[in-house]
Amino acid sequence: GMEMVMSIGWNPFFQNKQKTIEAHILREFAEDFYGATLKLCVVGYIRAEANFNSLDELKQAIANDIRIASTALKHPAFLPCKQHKLLS
């Protein structure tokens, strides 16, 4: 499995009308795969949904979430999830 951070909610900064799930996979890809089906394993919680005063503030919060997740996901306790057969 690949490490990721995810937002589940209304994304108030963008004034969404529907609740969404947005996965941000922590690696680069050669091309987009919007619309593809993903299998996700949620293993932790970083923070509550928030609204931001600017796009830069939102980007800073996401960057901080990525730093927290990148560190936490190195813990050996998460290895079974990364290797689970349902995620391959």
N, C-alpha and C. Protein backbone atom coordinates (compact mmCIF):
# COMPACT_ATOMS: atom_id res chain seq x y z
N GLY A 1 0.82 -1.19 0.00
CA GLY A 1 0.00 0.00 0.00
C GLY A 1 0.86 1.25 0.00
N MET A 2 0.25 2.32 -0.40
CA MET A 2 0.93 3.62 -0.44
C MET A 2 0.42 4.50 0.69
N GLU A 3 1.30 5.28 1.26
CA GLU A 3 0.92 6.17 2.34
C GLU A 3 0.13 7.35 1.78
N MET A 4 -0.81 7.86 2.59
CA MET A 4 -1.62 8.99 2.16
C MET A 4 -2.17 9.73 3.37
N VAL A 5 -2.61 10.95 3.12
CA VAL A 5 -3.44 11.67 4.07
C VAL A 5 -4.79 11.84 3.39
N MET A 6 -5.83 12.04 4.20
CA MET A 6 -7.16 12.09 3.61
C MET A 6 -8.02 13.11 4.34
N SER A 7 -8.84 13.78 3.58
CA SER A 7 -9.82 14.70 4.14
C SER A 7 -11.21 14.10 3.92
N ILE A 8 -11.99 14.03 5.00
CA ILE A 8 -13.37 13.59 4.90
C ILE A 8 -14.22 14.73 5.46
N GLY A 9 -15.05 15.32 4.63
CA GLY A 9 -15.87 16.41 5.14
C GLY A 9 -16.43 17.30 4.05
N TRP A 10 -16.77 18.51 4.45
CA TRP A 10 -17.46 19.47 3.58
C TRP A 10 -16.49 20.42 2.89
N ASN A 11 -15.25 20.44 3.30
CA ASN A 11 -14.25 21.36 2.74
C ASN A 11 -14.80 22.79 2.70
N PRO A 12 -15.00 23.40 3.88
CA PRO A 12 -15.66 24.71 3.94
C PRO A 12 -14.95 25.81 3.16
N PHE A 13 -13.63 25.75 3.01
CA PHE A 13 -12.93 26.79 2.25
C PHE A 13 -13.46 26.86 0.82
N PHE A 14 -13.82 25.71 0.25
CA PHE A 14 -14.32 25.66 -1.13
C PHE A 14 -15.85 25.65 -1.19
N GLN A 15 -16.50 25.78 -0.03
CA GLN A 15 -17.96 25.85 0.08
C GLN A 15 -18.66 24.69 -0.63
N ASN A 16 -18.13 23.48 -0.42
CA ASN A 16 -18.74 22.29 -1.03
C ASN A 16 -20.17 22.12 -0.55
N LYS A 17 -21.00 21.61 -1.42
CA LYS A 17 -22.40 21.33 -1.10
C LYS A 17 -22.59 19.87 -0.66
N GLN A 18 -21.58 19.03 -0.93
CA GLN A 18 -21.63 17.62 -0.56
C GLN A 18 -20.39 17.26 0.25
N LYS A 19 -20.57 16.30 1.14
CA LYS A 19 -19.42 15.76 1.88
C LYS A 19 -18.57 14.97 0.90
N THR A 20 -17.26 15.09 1.00
CA THR A 20 -16.35 14.39 0.09
C THR A 20 -15.26 13.66 0.87
N ILE A 21 -14.63 12.74 0.16
CA ILE A 21 -13.42 12.08 0.66
C ILE A 21 -12.33 12.38 -0.36
N GLU A 22 -11.28 13.04 0.10
CA GLU A 22 -10.16 13.38 -0.78
C GLU A 22 -8.89 12.73 -0.24
N ALA A 23 -8.34 11.81 -1.00
CA ALA A 23 -7.09 11.15 -0.61
C ALA A 23 -5.92 11.86 -1.30
N HIS A 24 -4.88 12.13 -0.54
CA HIS A 24 -3.65 12.73 -1.07
C HIS A 24 -2.54 11.69 -0.87
N ILE A 25 -2.22 10.97 -1.94
CA ILE A 25 -1.21 9.92 -1.86
C ILE A 25 0.17 10.56 -1.82
N LEU A 26 1.00 10.08 -0.90
CA LEU A 26 2.30 10.71 -0.63
C LEU A 26 3.39 10.20 -1.55
N ARG A 27 3.15 10.32 -2.85
CA ARG A 27 4.18 10.04 -3.86
C ARG A 27 3.75 10.69 -5.16
N GLU A 28 4.67 10.83 -6.07
CA GLU A 28 4.40 11.46 -7.37
C GLU A 28 4.02 10.39 -8.39
N PHE A 29 3.14 10.74 -9.31
CA PHE A 29 2.72 9.85 -10.38
C PHE A 29 2.96 10.53 -11.72
N ALA A 30 3.24 9.76 -12.75
CA ALA A 30 3.50 10.30 -14.09
C ALA A 30 2.25 10.91 -14.71
N GLU A 31 1.07 10.39 -14.33
CA GLU A 31 -0.17 10.91 -14.91
C GLU A 31 -1.28 10.89 -13.88
N ASP A 32 -2.35 11.65 -14.15
CA ASP A 32 -3.50 11.69 -13.26
C ASP A 32 -4.31 10.40 -13.37
N PHE A 33 -5.02 10.08 -12.30
CA PHE A 33 -5.92 8.93 -12.34
C PHE A 33 -7.24 9.28 -11.67
N TYR A 34 -7.69 10.53 -11.89
CA TYR A 34 -8.99 10.95 -11.37
C TYR A 34 -10.08 10.02 -11.86
N GLY A 35 -11.00 9.67 -10.97
CA GLY A 35 -12.09 8.77 -11.32
C GLY A 35 -11.79 7.31 -11.08
N ALA A 36 -10.53 6.99 -10.78
CA ALA A 36 -10.15 5.60 -10.52
C ALA A 36 -10.69 5.16 -9.15
N THR A 37 -10.91 3.88 -8.99
CA THR A 37 -11.32 3.32 -7.71
C THR A 37 -10.09 3.10 -6.84
N LEU A 38 -10.15 3.55 -5.59
CA LEU A 38 -9.06 3.37 -4.64
C LEU A 38 -9.53 2.53 -3.46
N LYS A 39 -8.64 1.74 -2.92
CA LYS A 39 -8.89 1.02 -1.68
C LYS A 39 -8.06 1.73 -0.61
N LEU A 40 -8.73 2.20 0.44
CA LEU A 40 -8.06 2.99 1.47
C LEU A 40 -8.18 2.32 2.83
N CYS A 41 -7.15 2.45 3.61
CA CYS A 41 -7.14 1.94 4.97
C CYS A 41 -6.87 3.13 5.91
N VAL A 42 -7.86 3.51 6.67
CA VAL A 42 -7.72 4.64 7.60
C VAL A 42 -7.14 4.11 8.91
N VAL A 43 -5.99 4.64 9.30
CA VAL A 43 -5.32 4.12 10.50
C VAL A 43 -5.12 5.18 11.58
N GLY A 44 -5.54 6.40 11.32
CA GLY A 44 -5.33 7.42 12.33
C GLY A 44 -6.14 8.67 12.05
N TYR A 45 -6.03 9.62 12.95
CA TYR A 45 -6.75 10.89 12.88
C TYR A 45 -5.76 11.99 13.23
N ILE A 46 -5.71 13.04 12.40
CA ILE A 46 -4.77 14.12 12.67
C ILE A 46 -5.46 15.34 13.27
N ARG A 47 -6.55 15.82 12.62
CA ARG A 47 -7.20 17.02 13.13
C ARG A 47 -8.64 17.11 12.63
N ALA A 48 -9.40 17.97 13.27
CA ALA A 48 -10.78 18.22 12.84
C ALA A 48 -10.79 19.07 11.58
N GLU A 49 -11.89 19.00 10.86
CA GLU A 49 -12.08 19.85 9.69
C GLU A 49 -12.05 21.31 10.14
N ALA A 50 -11.49 22.17 9.29
CA ALA A 50 -11.40 23.59 9.64
C ALA A 50 -11.61 24.43 8.39
N ASN A 51 -12.00 25.67 8.61
CA ASN A 51 -12.06 26.63 7.51
C ASN A 51 -10.80 27.49 7.60
N PHE A 52 -10.38 28.04 6.49
CA PHE A 52 -9.15 28.81 6.45
C PHE A 52 -9.40 30.18 5.84
N ASN A 53 -8.60 31.15 6.24
CA ASN A 53 -8.75 32.51 5.75
C ASN A 53 -8.18 32.71 4.36
N SER A 54 -7.30 31.79 3.93
CA SER A 54 -6.69 31.92 2.61
C SER A 54 -6.28 30.55 2.09
N LEU A 55 -6.05 30.48 0.80
CA LEU A 55 -5.58 29.23 0.20
C LEU A 55 -4.20 28.88 0.75
N ASP A 56 -3.36 29.88 0.99
CA ASP A 56 -2.03 29.61 1.56
C ASP A 56 -2.13 28.98 2.94
N GLU A 57 -3.08 29.45 3.77
CA GLU A 57 -3.29 28.86 5.09
C GLU A 57 -3.71 27.40 4.97
N LEU A 58 -4.60 27.11 4.02
CA LEU A 58 -5.03 25.73 3.77
C LEU A 58 -3.85 24.87 3.34
N LYS A 59 -3.05 25.38 2.42
CA LYS A 59 -1.87 24.63 1.94
C LYS A 59 -0.89 24.37 3.07
N GLN A 60 -0.71 25.33 3.97
CA GLN A 60 0.20 25.14 5.12
C GLN A 60 -0.33 24.04 6.04
N ALA A 61 -1.65 24.02 6.26
CA ALA A 61 -2.25 22.99 7.11
C ALA A 61 -2.07 21.61 6.49
N ILE A 62 -2.28 21.52 5.17
CA ILE A 62 -2.11 20.23 4.48
C ILE A 62 -0.65 19.78 4.56
N ALA A 63 0.28 20.71 4.36
CA ALA A 63 1.71 20.36 4.46
C ALA A 63 2.04 19.85 5.86
N ASN A 64 1.45 20.46 6.89
CA ASN A 64 1.68 20.00 8.25
C ASN A 64 1.07 18.62 8.47
N ASP A 65 -0.13 18.39 7.93
CA ASP A 65 -0.75 17.06 8.00
C ASP A 65 0.15 16.01 7.37
N ILE A 66 0.74 16.35 6.22
CA ILE A 66 1.63 15.42 5.51
C ILE A 66 2.86 15.11 6.35
N ARG A 67 3.44 16.13 7.00
CA ARG A 67 4.61 15.89 7.87
C ARG A 67 4.24 14.95 9.01
N ILE A 68 3.10 15.20 9.64
CA ILE A 68 2.66 14.36 10.77
C ILE A 68 2.44 12.93 10.29
N ALA A 69 1.71 12.77 9.19
CA ALA A 69 1.40 11.42 8.68
C ALA A 69 2.66 10.69 8.24
N SER A 70 3.55 11.39 7.55
CA SER A 70 4.78 10.74 7.06
C SER A 70 5.59 10.17 8.21
N THR A 71 5.66 10.90 9.30
CA THR A 71 6.38 10.42 10.48
C THR A 71 5.63 9.27 11.14
N ALA A 72 4.34 9.44 11.38
CA ALA A 72 3.56 8.42 12.08
C ALA A 72 3.49 7.10 11.31
N LEU A 73 3.37 7.19 9.98
CA LEU A 73 3.20 5.97 9.17
C LEU A 73 4.47 5.13 9.06
N LYS A 74 5.59 5.63 9.56
CA LYS A 74 6.82 4.84 9.60
C LYS A 74 6.82 3.86 10.78
N HIS A 75 5.88 4.02 11.70
CA HIS A 75 5.82 3.18 12.89
C HIS A 75 5.52 1.73 12.48
N PRO A 76 6.20 0.76 13.06
CA PRO A 76 6.00 -0.65 12.71
C PRO A 76 4.55 -1.14 12.87
N ALA A 77 3.78 -0.50 13.72
CA ALA A 77 2.39 -0.93 13.93
C ALA A 77 1.56 -0.82 12.66
N PHE A 78 1.97 0.04 11.72
CA PHE A 78 1.20 0.22 10.49
C PHE A 78 1.62 -0.71 9.36
N LEU A 79 2.69 -1.46 9.53
CA LEU A 79 3.18 -2.37 8.48
C LEU A 79 2.13 -3.39 8.05
N PRO A 80 1.38 -4.02 8.94
CA PRO A 80 0.37 -4.99 8.48
C PRO A 80 -0.67 -4.38 7.54
N CYS A 81 -1.04 -3.16 7.78
CA CYS A 81 -2.02 -2.50 6.90
C CYS A 81 -1.41 -2.26 5.52
N LYS A 82 -0.16 -1.83 5.48
CA LYS A 82 0.51 -1.58 4.20
C LYS A 82 0.62 -2.85 3.36
N GLN A 83 0.71 -3.99 4.02
CA GLN A 83 0.91 -5.25 3.31
C GLN A 83 -0.35 -6.10 3.20
N HIS A 84 -1.50 -5.56 3.62
CA HIS A 84 -2.73 -6.34 3.63
C HIS A 84 -3.15 -6.72 2.21
N LYS A 85 -3.61 -7.95 2.02
CA LYS A 85 -3.95 -8.45 0.69
C LYS A 85 -5.10 -7.68 0.05
N LEU A 86 -5.99 -7.11 0.83
CA LEU A 86 -7.11 -6.34 0.26
C LEU A 86 -6.65 -5.02 -0.34
N LEU A 87 -5.46 -4.58 0.00
CA LEU A 87 -4.95 -3.31 -0.52
C LEU A 87 -3.95 -3.47 -1.65
N SER A 88 -3.73 -4.69 -2.07
CA SER A 88 -2.76 -4.89 -3.16
C SER A 88 -3.45 -5.02 -4.51
